[in-house]
Amino acid sequence: MHRCLVSVVVLMAWSMGCVSQGTYDDLKQKYDAAAGKVAVGESSIAALEQSLDEAQRKAAKLESEGQSLQAALKALQVEREASLAKQAQLDAELGKQRDELGKQRDELALLVKDRGRLRETTLQLREAFADLARRKAEADRRVAEARNLLARFKPLIDAGTLRVTMDAGRMVLALPSDVLFDTGSARLSKVGKQALAEVALVLGQDFADRRFQVEGHTDNVPIHNSIYPSNWELASARALGVVKLMTERGVPAGSLSAASHGENHPAMTNDTAAGRAYNRRIEIILVPDLSSLPGFEELKSAVDRS
């Protein structure tokens, strides 16, 4: 527009004769130069306007992208907050699980400890049951032994020649001295020898692996003669006489021993004649086999270490 206006003014001046040809040419030249600058400027403006449009489009695009990014960022923030909340929940749950695991470990430790105690108790119970079984077997063996002995000696027991008793866990065969010996004597009577021969036969056959101790007992009436100055000597001589006869009747000498108690272990009171007669006796003790008793090995080990 500016270019056209300048051109019109120049033409009008030239046509009216207001300017010379030289001035006109100079103005024309300036006009053309200015017109060229205007054209360049208009071109630049157009380019700038195009650039501005492009920039505005880019700005709009960037703004849109920015809004999208902000929306995405907000979504990420929401997701992050949800993730943090979930992580906190998981941490809390993990803490609970760790606590529960700790409790289970403690319970397991107690169970292992209790299991060890139970195992130890079970072993002790087994040992106790085994010991009880051994004791029962030993008791049954003794009962069977006693029954066998009573059965074999029934004729002598019924005749009053022999008494079978238990004393301090030992089986005792008691024979009245009045049946075996004359008063104040250690010589066996005929009846006494027969009774002892029957006893020796049973002991030698049925109890060959047992040991026996023959004990002499008297009442508390003192004896004074040239052969036996006291009841000790009389009881001792009687016990030795019984041992000798038993060895002659087949009982191994290594299974026999003799002892004298004199008047010191009465079985009944000495205040009556019947009591004194009961106390005058020969006792054949079946010596207990300690090796068959429960606890013998422990006792032996303790003695060996001492």
C-alpha atoms as a PDB file:
ATOM      1  CA  MET A   1       0.000   0.000   0.000  1.00  0.00           C
ATOM      2  CA  HIS A   2       2.771   2.431   0.874  1.00  0.00           C
ATOM      3  CA  ARG A   3       4.533   1.526  -2.347  1.00  0.00           C
ATOM      4  CA  CYS A   4       1.457   2.329  -4.469  1.00  0.00           C
ATOM      5  CA  LEU A   5       0.945   5.679  -2.715  1.00  0.00           C
ATOM      6  CA  VAL A   6       4.516   6.786  -3.356  1.00  0.00           C
ATOM      7  CA  SER A   7       4.251   5.739  -6.989  1.00  0.00           C
ATOM      8  CA  VAL A   8       1.088   7.763  -7.505  1.00  0.00           C
ATOM      9  CA  VAL A   9       2.632  10.879  -5.942  1.00  0.00           C
ATOM     10  CA  VAL A  10       5.723  10.645  -8.204  1.00  0.00           C
ATOM     11  CA  LEU A  11       3.656  10.194 -11.362  1.00  0.00           C
ATOM     12  CA  MET A  12       1.442  13.128 -10.521  1.00  0.00           C
ATOM     13  CA  ALA A  13       4.392  15.408  -9.916  1.00  0.00           C
ATOM     14  CA  TRP A  14       6.063  14.399 -13.138  1.00  0.00           C
ATOM     15  CA  SER A  15       2.910  14.765 -15.170  1.00  0.00           C
ATOM     16  CA  MET A  16       2.233  18.227 -13.857  1.00  0.00           C
ATOM     17  CA  GLY A  17       5.692  19.325 -14.819  1.00  0.00           C
ATOM     18  CA  CYS A  18       6.652  20.112 -11.270  1.00  0.00           C
ATOM     19  CA  VAL A  19       9.967  18.271 -11.462  1.00  0.00           C
ATOM     20  CA  SER A  20      12.764  17.849 -13.928  1.00  0.00           C
ATOM     21  CA  GLN A  21      13.683  14.632 -15.607  1.00  0.00           C
ATOM     22  CA  GLY A  22      16.734  14.234 -13.456  1.00  0.00           C
ATOM     23  CA  THR A  23      14.839  14.774 -10.279  1.00  0.00           C
ATOM     24  CA  TYR A  24      12.279  12.379 -11.493  1.00  0.00           C
ATOM     25  CA  ASP A  25      14.848   9.742 -12.212  1.00  0.00           C
ATOM     26  CA  ASP A  26      16.435  10.281  -8.834  1.00  0.00           C
ATOM     27  CA  LEU A  27      13.117  10.011  -7.125  1.00  0.00           C
ATOM     28  CA  LYS A  28      12.286   7.021  -9.236  1.00  0.00           C
ATOM     29  CA  GLN A  29      15.489   5.374  -8.213  1.00  0.00           C
ATOM     30  CA  LYS A  30      14.865   6.152  -4.558  1.00  0.00           C
ATOM     31  CA  TYR A  31      11.354   4.976  -5.006  1.00  0.00           C
ATOM     32  CA  ASP A  32      12.471   1.693  -6.490  1.00  0.00           C
ATOM     33  CA  ALA A  33      15.013   1.282  -3.707  1.00  0.00           C
ATOM     34  CA  ALA A  34      12.401   2.035  -1.068  1.00  0.00           C
ATOM     35  CA  ALA A  35       9.958  -0.232  -2.838  1.00  0.00           C
ATOM     36  CA  GLY A  36      12.555  -3.010  -2.761  1.00  0.00           C
ATOM     37  CA  LYS A  37      13.049  -2.455   0.966  1.00  0.00           C
ATOM     38  CA  VAL A  38       9.321  -2.417   1.485  1.00  0.00           C
ATOM     39  CA  ALA A  39       9.030  -5.646  -0.474  1.00  0.00           C
ATOM     40  CA  VAL A  40      11.802  -7.173   1.633  1.00  0.00           C
ATOM     41  CA  GLY A  41      10.101  -5.899   4.762  1.00  0.00           C
ATOM     42  CA  GLU A  42       6.733  -7.226   3.687  1.00  0.00           C
ATOM     43  CA  SER A  43       8.360 -10.529   2.884  1.00  0.00           C
ATOM     44  CA  SER A  44      10.030 -10.504   6.260  1.00  0.00           C
ATOM     45  CA  ILE A  45       6.727  -9.623   7.905  1.00  0.00           C
ATOM     46  CA  ALA A  46       5.029 -12.457   6.072  1.00  0.00           C
ATOM     47  CA  ALA A  47       7.792 -14.780   7.095  1.00  0.00           C
ATOM     48  CA  LEU A  48       7.544 -13.526  10.661  1.00  0.00           C
ATOM     49  CA  GLU A  49       3.787 -13.877  10.589  1.00  0.00           C
ATOM     50  CA  GLN A  50       4.228 -17.425   9.294  1.00  0.00           C
ATOM     51  CA  SER A  51       6.827 -18.055  11.961  1.00  0.00           C
ATOM     52  CA  LEU A  52       4.476 -16.577  14.534  1.00  0.00           C
ATOM     53  CA  ASP A  53       1.679 -18.829  13.325  1.00  0.00           C
ATOM     54  CA  GLU A  54       4.057 -21.779  13.484  1.00  0.00           C
ATOM     55  CA  ALA A  55       5.196 -20.677  16.912  1.00  0.00           C
ATOM     56  CA  GLN A  56       1.603 -20.302  18.064  1.00  0.00           C
ATOM     57  CA  ARG A  57       0.787 -23.748  16.736  1.00  0.00           C
ATOM     58  CA  LYS A  58       3.846 -25.155  18.480  1.00  0.00           C
ATOM     59  CA  ALA A  59       2.931 -23.238  21.615  1.00  0.00           C
ATOM     60  CA  ALA A  60      -0.585 -24.658  21.446  1.00  0.00           C
ATOM     61  CA  LYS A  61       0.841 -28.110  20.875  1.00  0.00           C
ATOM     62  CA  LEU A  62       3.301 -27.667  23.710  1.00  0.00           C
ATOM     63  CA  GLU A  63       0.521 -26.397  25.952  1.00  0.00           C
ATOM     64  CA  SER A  64      -1.551 -29.407  25.044  1.00  0.00           C
ATOM     65  CA  GLU A  65       1.412 -31.693  25.621  1.00  0.00           C
ATOM     66  CA  GLY A  66       2.086 -29.849  28.891  1.00  0.00           C
ATOM     67  CA  GLN A  67      -1.479 -30.404  29.987  1.00  0.00           C
ATOM     68  CA  SER A  68      -1.155 -34.067  29.033  1.00  0.00           C
ATOM     69  CA  LEU A  69       2.123 -34.249  30.933  1.00  0.00           C
ATOM     70  CA  GLN A  70       0.549 -32.555  33.942  1.00  0.00           C
ATOM     71  CA  ALA A  71      -2.342 -35.011  33.799  1.00  0.00           C
ATOM     72  CA  ALA A  72       0.112 -37.887  33.449  1.00  0.00           C
ATOM     73  CA  LEU A  73       2.203 -36.440  36.325  1.00  0.00           C
ATOM     74  CA  LYS A  74      -0.886 -36.139  38.479  1.00  0.00           C
ATOM     75  CA  ALA A  75      -1.813 -39.706  37.616  1.00  0.00           C
ATOM     76  CA  LEU A  76       1.717 -40.775  38.496  1.00  0.00           C
ATOM     77  CA  GLN A  77       1.501 -38.909  41.784  1.00  0.00           C
ATOM     78  CA  VAL A  78      -1.807 -40.575  42.558  1.00  0.00           C
ATOM     79  CA  GLU A  79      -0.310 -43.921  41.587  1.00  0.00           C
ATOM     80  CA  ARG A  80       2.788 -43.195  43.683  1.00  0.00           C
ATOM     81  CA  GLU A  81       0.658 -42.296  46.690  1.00  0.00           C
ATOM     82  CA  ALA A  82      -1.340 -45.473  46.198  1.00  0.00           C
ATOM     83  CA  SER A  83       1.914 -47.412  45.828  1.00  0.00           C
ATOM     84  CA  LEU A  84       3.292 -45.841  49.007  1.00  0.00           C
ATOM     85  CA  ALA A  85       0.083 -46.698  50.845  1.00  0.00           C
ATOM     86  CA  LYS A  86       0.279 -50.251  49.508  1.00  0.00           C
ATOM     87  CA  GLN A  87       3.950 -50.426  50.484  1.00  0.00           C
ATOM     88  CA  ALA A  88       3.085 -49.227  54.002  1.00  0.00           C
ATOM     89  CA  GLN A  89       0.373 -51.877  54.174  1.00  0.00           C
ATOM     90  CA  LEU A  90       2.803 -54.513  52.944  1.00  0.00           C
ATOM     91  CA  ASP A  91       5.422 -53.352  55.460  1.00  0.00           C
ATOM     92  CA  ALA A  92       2.856 -53.594  58.246  1.00  0.00           C
ATOM     93  CA  GLU A  93       1.837 -57.060  57.060  1.00  0.00           C
ATOM     94  CA  LEU A  94       5.482 -58.058  56.788  1.00  0.00           C
ATOM     95  CA  GLY A  95       6.040 -56.833  60.340  1.00  0.00           C
ATOM     96  CA  LYS A  96       3.133 -58.943  61.534  1.00  0.00           C
ATOM     97  CA  GLN A  97       4.478 -61.951  59.650  1.00  0.00           C
ATOM     98  CA  ARG A  98       7.925 -61.409  61.183  1.00  0.00           C
ATOM     99  CA  ASP A  99       6.379 -61.207  64.640  1.00  0.00           C
ATOM    100  CA  GLU A 100       4.373 -64.345  63.936  1.00  0.00           C
ATOM    101  CA  LEU A 101       7.483 -66.044  62.591  1.00  0.00           C
ATOM    102  CA  GLY A 102       9.336 -65.063  65.764  1.00  0.00           C
ATOM    103  CA  LYS A 103       6.555 -66.544  67.882  1.00  0.00           C
ATOM    104  CA  GLN A 104       6.573 -69.707  65.798  1.00  0.00           C
ATOM    105  CA  ARG A 105      10.346 -69.970  66.197  1.00  0.00           C
ATOM    106  CA  ASP A 106       9.988 -69.563  69.956  1.00  0.00           C
ATOM    107  CA  GLU A 107       7.225 -72.167  69.990  1.00  0.00           C
ATOM    108  CA  LEU A 108       9.364 -74.453  67.841  1.00  0.00           C
ATOM    109  CA  ALA A 109      12.287 -74.017  70.239  1.00  0.00           C
ATOM    110  CA  LEU A 110       9.980 -74.922  73.132  1.00  0.00           C
ATOM    111  CA  LEU A 111       8.655 -77.888  71.190  1.00  0.00           C
ATOM    112  CA  VAL A 112      12.194 -79.062  70.437  1.00  0.00           C
ATOM    113  CA  LYS A 113      13.086 -78.629  74.092  1.00  0.00           C
ATOM    114  CA  ASP A 114       9.912 -80.401  75.190  1.00  0.00           C
ATOM    115  CA  ARG A 115      10.589 -83.100  72.614  1.00  0.00           C
ATOM    116  CA  GLY A 116      14.049 -83.581  74.089  1.00  0.00           C
ATOM    117  CA  ARG A 117      12.546 -83.768  77.569  1.00  0.00           C
ATOM    118  CA  LEU A 118       9.867 -86.141  76.317  1.00  0.00           C
ATOM    119  CA  ARG A 119      12.486 -88.295  74.651  1.00  0.00           C
ATOM    120  CA  GLU A 120      14.533 -88.299  77.848  1.00  0.00           C
ATOM    121  CA  THR A 121      11.417 -89.083  79.873  1.00  0.00           C
ATOM    122  CA  THR A 122      10.503 -91.824  77.405  1.00  0.00           C
ATOM    123  CA  LEU A 123      13.963 -93.338  77.738  1.00  0.00           C
ATOM    124  CA  GLN A 124      13.693 -93.112  81.513  1.00  0.00           C
ATOM    125  CA  LEU A 125      10.261 -94.731  81.388  1.00  0.00           C
ATOM    126  CA  ARG A 126      11.576 -97.466  79.131  1.00  0.00           C
ATOM    127  CA  GLU A 127      14.455 -98.062  81.510  1.00  0.00           C
ATOM    128  CA  ALA A 128      12.036 -98.006  84.427  1.00  0.00           C
ATOM    129  CA  PHE A 129       9.723-100.472  82.664  1.00  0.00           C
ATOM    130  CA  ALA A 130      12.683-102.670  81.779  1.00  0.00           C
ATOM    131  CA  ASP A 131      13.886-102.501  85.385  1.00  0.00           C
ATOM    132  CA  LEU A 132      10.358-103.257  86.574  1.00  0.00           C
ATOM    133  CA  ALA A 133      10.184-106.189  84.174  1.00  0.00           C
ATOM    134  CA  ARG A 134      13.515-107.483  85.503  1.00  0.00           C
ATOM    135  CA  ARG A 135      12.301-107.069  89.070  1.00  0.00           C
ATOM    136  CA  LYS A 136       9.055-108.845  88.244  1.00  0.00           C
ATOM    137  CA  ALA A 137      10.924-111.633  86.502  1.00  0.00           C
ATOM    138  CA  GLU A 138      13.212-111.969  89.518  1.00  0.00           C
ATOM    139  CA  ALA A 139      10.224-111.895  91.867  1.00  0.00           C
ATOM    140  CA  ASP A 140       8.421-114.485  89.733  1.00  0.00           C
ATOM    141  CA  ARG A 141      11.542-116.625  89.754  1.00  0.00           C
ATOM    142  CA  ARG A 142      11.765-116.394  93.525  1.00  0.00           C
ATOM    143  CA  VAL A 143       8.070-117.216  93.923  1.00  0.00           C
ATOM    144  CA  ALA A 144       8.465-120.208  91.619  1.00  0.00           C
ATOM    145  CA  GLU A 145      11.556-121.217  93.529  1.00  0.00           C
ATOM    146  CA  ALA A 146       9.731-120.923  96.843  1.00  0.00           C
ATOM    147  CA  ARG A 147       6.751-122.898  95.570  1.00  0.00           C
ATOM    148  CA  ASN A 148       9.036-125.612  94.254  1.00  0.00           C
ATOM    149  CA  LEU A 149      10.851-125.712  97.565  1.00  0.00           C
ATOM    150  CA  LEU A 150       7.620-125.901  99.528  1.00  0.00           C
ATOM    151  CA  ALA A 151       6.349-128.664  97.277  1.00  0.00           C
ATOM    152  CA  ARG A 152       9.541-130.701  97.635  1.00  0.00           C
ATOM    153  CA  PHE A 153       9.707-130.221 101.412  1.00  0.00           C
ATOM    154  CA  LYS A 154       5.975-130.704 102.052  1.00  0.00           C
ATOM    155  CA  PRO A 155       6.431-134.062 103.861  1.00  0.00           C
ATOM    156  CA  LEU A 156       9.014-132.561 106.257  1.00  0.00           C
ATOM    157  CA  ILE A 157       6.897-129.432 106.743  1.00  0.00           C
ATOM    158  CA  ASP A 158       3.765-131.474 107.473  1.00  0.00           C
ATOM    159  CA  ALA A 159       5.752-133.580 109.942  1.00  0.00           C
ATOM    160  CA  GLY A 160       6.918-130.468 111.793  1.00  0.00           C
ATOM    161  CA  THR A 161      10.547-131.262 111.040  1.00  0.00           C
ATOM    162  CA  LEU A 162      11.088-128.240 108.769  1.00  0.00           C
ATOM    163  CA  ARG A 163       9.850-124.660 108.621  1.00  0.00           C
ATOM    164  CA  VAL A 164      10.203-122.483 105.493  1.00  0.00           C
ATOM    165  CA  THR A 165      10.151-118.749 106.163  1.00  0.00           C
ATOM    166  CA  MET A 166      11.310-115.475 104.626  1.00  0.00           C
ATOM    167  CA  ASP A 167      13.675-113.246 106.576  1.00  0.00           C
ATOM    168  CA  ALA A 168      15.032-109.930 105.207  1.00  0.00           C
ATOM    169  CA  GLY A 169      14.301-111.056 101.652  1.00  0.00           C
ATOM    170  CA  ARG A 170      16.034-114.398 102.168  1.00  0.00           C
ATOM    171  CA  MET A 171      14.457-117.835 102.041  1.00  0.00           C
ATOM    172  CA  VAL A 172      15.145-119.675 105.286  1.00  0.00           C
ATOM    173  CA  LEU A 173      14.876-123.406 106.014  1.00  0.00           C
ATOM    174  CA  ALA A 174      14.622-123.813 109.780  1.00  0.00           C
ATOM    175  CA  LEU A 175      15.039-127.184 111.494  1.00  0.00           C
ATOM    176  CA  PRO A 176      14.399-127.443 115.262  1.00  0.00           C
ATOM    177  CA  SER A 177      17.566-128.358 117.149  1.00  0.00           C
ATOM    178  CA  ASP A 178      15.526-130.634 119.435  1.00  0.00           C
ATOM    179  CA  VAL A 179      14.870-132.824 116.357  1.00  0.00           C
ATOM    180  CA  LEU A 180      18.490-132.756 115.141  1.00  0.00           C
ATOM    181  CA  PHE A 181      20.489-132.934 118.368  1.00  0.00           C
ATOM    182  CA  ASP A 182      20.311-134.088 121.940  1.00  0.00           C
ATOM    183  CA  THR A 183      20.272-131.389 124.594  1.00  0.00           C
ATOM    184  CA  GLY A 184      23.657-129.678 124.923  1.00  0.00           C
ATOM    185  CA  SER A 185      25.166-131.808 122.117  1.00  0.00           C
ATOM    186  CA  ALA A 186      26.341-131.103 118.545  1.00  0.00           C
ATOM    187  CA  ARG A 187      26.092-134.730 117.454  1.00  0.00           C
ATOM    188  CA  LEU A 188      23.304-135.303 114.955  1.00  0.00           C
ATOM    189  CA  SER A 189      20.594-137.770 115.926  1.00  0.00           C
ATOM    190  CA  LYS A 190      19.396-140.519 113.607  1.00  0.00           C
ATOM    191  CA  VAL A 191      16.192-138.612 112.890  1.00  0.00           C
ATOM    192  CA  GLY A 192      18.206-135.464 112.368  1.00  0.00           C
ATOM    193  CA  LYS A 193      20.489-137.130 109.850  1.00  0.00           C
ATOM    194  CA  GLN A 194      17.510-138.463 107.918  1.00  0.00           C
ATOM    195  CA  ALA A 195      15.872-135.029 107.812  1.00  0.00           C
ATOM    196  CA  LEU A 196      19.065-133.302 106.724  1.00  0.00           C
ATOM    197  CA  ALA A 197      19.713-135.980 104.099  1.00  0.00           C
ATOM    198  CA  GLU A 198      16.329-135.206 102.521  1.00  0.00           C
ATOM    199  CA  VAL A 199      17.064-131.464 102.635  1.00  0.00           C
ATOM    200  CA  ALA A 200      20.524-131.954 101.130  1.00  0.00           C
ATOM    201  CA  LEU A 201      19.099-134.106  98.323  1.00  0.00           C
ATOM    202  CA  VAL A 202      16.630-131.396  97.254  1.00  0.00           C
ATOM    203  CA  LEU A 203      19.149-128.563  97.555  1.00  0.00           C
ATOM    204  CA  GLY A 204      21.813-130.505  95.670  1.00  0.00           C
ATOM    205  CA  GLN A 205      19.446-131.367  92.809  1.00  0.00           C
ATOM    206  CA  ASP A 206      17.204-128.321  92.411  1.00  0.00           C
ATOM    207  CA  PHE A 207      19.491-125.569  93.684  1.00  0.00           C
ATOM    208  CA  ALA A 208      22.937-126.753  92.651  1.00  0.00           C
ATOM    209  CA  ASP A 209      23.891-123.278  91.449  1.00  0.00           C
ATOM    210  CA  ARG A 210      22.957-121.530  94.721  1.00  0.00           C
ATOM    211  CA  ARG A 211      24.991-120.793  97.818  1.00  0.00           C
ATOM    212  CA  PHE A 212      23.815-121.662 101.330  1.00  0.00           C
ATOM    213  CA  GLN A 213      24.770-120.481 104.781  1.00  0.00           C
ATOM    214  CA  VAL A 214      24.093-122.749 107.730  1.00  0.00           C
ATOM    215  CA  GLU A 215      23.433-120.776 110.911  1.00  0.00           C
ATOM    216  CA  GLY A 216      23.271-122.132 114.437  1.00  0.00           C
ATOM    217  CA  HIS A 217      20.869-120.561 116.978  1.00  0.00           C
ATOM    218  CA  THR A 218      20.176-121.293 120.672  1.00  0.00           C
ATOM    219  CA  ASP A 219      17.879-120.009 123.350  1.00  0.00           C
ATOM    220  CA  ASN A 220      19.153-117.688 126.070  1.00  0.00           C
ATOM    221  CA  VAL A 221      19.743-120.389 128.700  1.00  0.00           C
ATOM    222  CA  PRO A 222      23.521-120.390 129.380  1.00  0.00           C
ATOM    223  CA  ILE A 223      25.512-123.593 128.828  1.00  0.00           C
ATOM    224  CA  HIS A 224      28.578-124.461 130.878  1.00  0.00           C
ATOM    225  CA  ASN A 225      30.528-127.625 130.224  1.00  0.00           C
ATOM    226  CA  SER A 226      34.031-128.645 129.249  1.00  0.00           C
ATOM    227  CA  ILE A 227      33.182-128.915 125.540  1.00  0.00           C
ATOM    228  CA  TYR A 228      31.060-125.813 124.930  1.00  0.00           C
ATOM    229  CA  PRO A 229      31.807-122.938 127.292  1.00  0.00           C
ATOM    230  CA  SER A 230      29.001-120.805 125.755  1.00  0.00           C
ATOM    231  CA  ASN A 231      26.026-120.912 123.402  1.00  0.00           C
ATOM    232  CA  TRP A 232      28.293-119.435 120.696  1.00  0.00           C
ATOM    233  CA  GLU A 233      30.468-122.535 120.606  1.00  0.00           C
ATOM    234  CA  LEU A 234      27.494-124.912 120.786  1.00  0.00           C
ATOM    235  CA  ALA A 235      25.691-123.174 117.900  1.00  0.00           C
ATOM    236  CA  SER A 236      28.911-123.058 115.880  1.00  0.00           C
ATOM    237  CA  ALA A 237      29.605-126.795 116.370  1.00  0.00           C
ATOM    238  CA  ARG A 238      26.050-127.662 115.370  1.00  0.00           C
ATOM    239  CA  ALA A 239      26.249-125.516 112.196  1.00  0.00           C
ATOM    240  CA  LEU A 240      29.570-127.146 111.216  1.00  0.00           C
ATOM    241  CA  GLY A 241      28.100-130.624 111.800  1.00  0.00           C
ATOM    242  CA  VAL A 242      25.205-129.814 109.471  1.00  0.00           C
ATOM    243  CA  VAL A 243      27.613-128.492 106.804  1.00  0.00           C
ATOM    244  CA  LYS A 244      29.666-131.683 107.004  1.00  0.00           C
ATOM    245  CA  LEU A 245      26.642-133.942 106.581  1.00  0.00           C
ATOM    246  CA  MET A 246      25.309-131.880 103.671  1.00  0.00           C
ATOM    247  CA  THR A 247      28.638-132.149 101.827  1.00  0.00           C
ATOM    248  CA  GLU A 248      28.556-135.895 102.412  1.00  0.00           C
ATOM    249  CA  ARG A 249      25.096-135.949 100.828  1.00  0.00           C
ATOM    250  CA  GLY A 250      26.249-134.255  97.620  1.00  0.00           C
ATOM    251  CA  VAL A 251      25.958-130.508  98.233  1.00  0.00           C
ATOM    252  CA  PRO A 252      29.180-128.881  96.887  1.00  0.00           C
ATOM    253  CA  ALA A 253      31.409-127.705  99.698  1.00  0.00           C
ATOM    254  CA  GLY A 254      32.045-124.448  97.833  1.00  0.00           C
ATOM    255  CA  SER A 255      28.329-123.660  98.107  1.00  0.00           C
ATOM    256  CA  LEU A 256      28.236-123.919 101.889  1.00  0.00           C
ATOM    257  CA  SER A 257      29.329-121.732 104.793  1.00  0.00           C
ATOM    258  CA  ALA A 258      28.687-121.896 108.514  1.00  0.00           C
ATOM    259  CA  ALA A 259      27.875-119.212 111.058  1.00  0.00           C
ATOM    260  CA  SER A 260      26.945-119.015 114.710  1.00  0.00           C
ATOM    261  CA  HIS A 261      24.501-116.543 116.245  1.00  0.00           C
ATOM    262  CA  GLY A 262      24.130-118.248 119.594  1.00  0.00           C
ATOM    263  CA  GLU A 263      21.270-116.668 121.504  1.00  0.00           C
ATOM    264  CA  ASN A 264      21.542-113.271 119.813  1.00  0.00           C
ATOM    265  CA  HIS A 265      18.896-113.642 117.059  1.00  0.00           C
ATOM    266  CA  PRO A 266      15.818-115.147 118.677  1.00  0.00           C
ATOM    267  CA  ALA A 267      12.841-115.831 116.405  1.00  0.00           C
ATOM    268  CA  MET A 268      10.428-115.712 119.364  1.00  0.00           C
ATOM    269  CA  THR A 269      10.491-114.609 122.980  1.00  0.00           C
ATOM    270  CA  ASN A 270      12.612-116.628 125.398  1.00  0.00           C
ATOM    271  CA  ASP A 271      10.151-115.975 128.221  1.00  0.00           C
ATOM    272  CA  THR A 272       8.276-119.226 127.565  1.00  0.00           C
ATOM    273  CA  ALA A 273       9.342-122.820 127.100  1.00  0.00           C
ATOM    274  CA  ALA A 274       7.690-122.921 123.672  1.00  0.00           C
ATOM    275  CA  GLY A 275       9.519-119.768 122.634  1.00  0.00           C
ATOM    276  CA  ARG A 276      12.861-121.118 123.781  1.00  0.00           C
ATOM    277  CA  ALA A 277      12.237-124.384 121.910  1.00  0.00           C
ATOM    278  CA  TYR A 278      11.401-122.372 118.769  1.00  0.00           C
ATOM    279  CA  ASN A 279      14.643-120.403 119.088  1.00  0.00           C
ATOM    280  CA  ARG A 280      16.789-123.548 119.287  1.00  0.00           C
ATOM    281  CA  ARG A 281      17.195-124.137 115.593  1.00  0.00           C
ATOM    282  CA  ILE A 282      19.425-124.641 112.584  1.00  0.00           C
ATOM    283  CA  GLU A 283      18.703-122.298 109.692  1.00  0.00           C
ATOM    284  CA  ILE A 284      19.821-122.976 106.143  1.00  0.00           C
ATOM    285  CA  ILE A 285      19.789-119.652 104.292  1.00  0.00           C
ATOM    286  CA  LEU A 286      19.535-119.501 100.512  1.00  0.00           C
ATOM    287  CA  VAL A 287      22.024-116.715  99.883  1.00  0.00           C
ATOM    288  CA  PRO A 288      20.540-114.204  97.411  1.00  0.00           C
ATOM    289  CA  ASP A 289      22.289-113.986  94.057  1.00  0.00           C
ATOM    290  CA  LEU A 290      22.982-110.246  93.928  1.00  0.00           C
ATOM    291  CA  SER A 291      24.059-110.404  90.288  1.00  0.00           C
ATOM    292  CA  SER A 292      20.474-111.201  89.291  1.00  0.00           C
ATOM    293  CA  LEU A 293      19.042-108.257  91.194  1.00  0.00           C
ATOM    294  CA  PRO A 294      18.137-105.001  89.355  1.00  0.00           C
ATOM    295  CA  GLY A 295      20.780-102.347  89.829  1.00  0.00           C
ATOM    296  CA  PHE A 296      23.599-104.817  90.426  1.00  0.00           C
ATOM    297  CA  GLU A 297      25.683-103.586  87.484  1.00  0.00           C
ATOM    298  CA  GLU A 298      25.386 -99.963  88.674  1.00  0.00           C
ATOM    299  CA  LEU A 299      26.360-101.053  92.190  1.00  0.00           C
ATOM    300  CA  LYS A 300      29.318-103.031  90.849  1.00  0.00           C
ATOM    301  CA  SER A 301      30.513-100.076  88.764  1.00  0.00           C
ATOM    302  CA  ALA A 302      30.269 -97.764  91.771  1.00  0.00           C
ATOM    303  CA  VAL A 303      32.281-100.214  93.884  1.00  0.00           C
ATOM    304  CA  ASP A 304      34.888-100.685  91.135  1.00  0.00           C
ATOM    305  CA  ARG A 305      35.388 -96.900  90.851  1.00  0.00           C
ATOM    306  CA  SER A 306      35.843 -96.465  94.585  1.00  0.00           C
END
